[in-house]
Amino acid sequence: MCEDGPVVTVTLEERVLARNDDLARANRELLTARGIRAINLMSSPGSGKTTLLERTVRELRQPVAVIEGDQRTPLDADRIRAAGAPVVQVNTGAGCHLDAAMTRRALDDLDPPPGSLLFVENVGNLICPSLFDLGEHARVVIVSVTEGADKPLKYPYMFAVADLVVINKTDLLPYVDFDVDACRRHIAAVNPGATVLTVSATRGSRLPDWYAWLSGGAG
């Protein structure tokens, strides 16, 4: 307590997150009013998010638009554009995640059509993106079999906020030491309600399960 009365401490993190939550709520209301379903894709770098998105753009029978998040370069946006979807690239510089304000600016530029499916490919990172609501309707975490099966235990908050966890690159299982059943148990330990799918985006294996989830289970 100081001489003038009690000291009230409000952390910068709380203020930043509260402001972000307000903007995210407005984003979600805007998207919902236009019949647009938004999916936030999160993972570590190299999990195969962009490859999964490329196949989804080509194969899903529904209008798709994409917001790409990376620290630098338009490389992933170029791949999505070549696959046939409208896309806006957001480069965060030194930032390790997208936030609701970035998402709103990208939405204004992208102007996804009513009734479309909007994917937000977040910056590759298993920590910060889990803290920032973008206004999405569902969160998907992608982990590949080239990573450790214990990732859900090491980064529990990321997996705890997921509606769906996709275990990708299953075509490489004969060549790596990855225990799918153990990974499923670890996911269930931190998020018993999460749906888990195993796919190979490169080979197309089990992708109908992913498309079915997008059609009926997203959000």
Foldseek 3Di string as FASTA:
>chain_A
DDPVDDDDDDDPVVVVQVVLVVLLQVLLVVQVVLQEAEEEEEAAPPLCPLLLLLVCLQPFPFAEEEEEEEQDDCVSVVSNVVSPHHYHYDHPNPDQWDTQVSLVVRCVVRVGHRNGYYYYHIHRDLEPHLSHRNNHQFYEYEGEQVDELLVCVVRVSSLQRHQEYEYEPVVCVVPGPYDPVSSVVSSCVSHVNHHYYYYYSVVGGPCVVVSVCVVPPGD
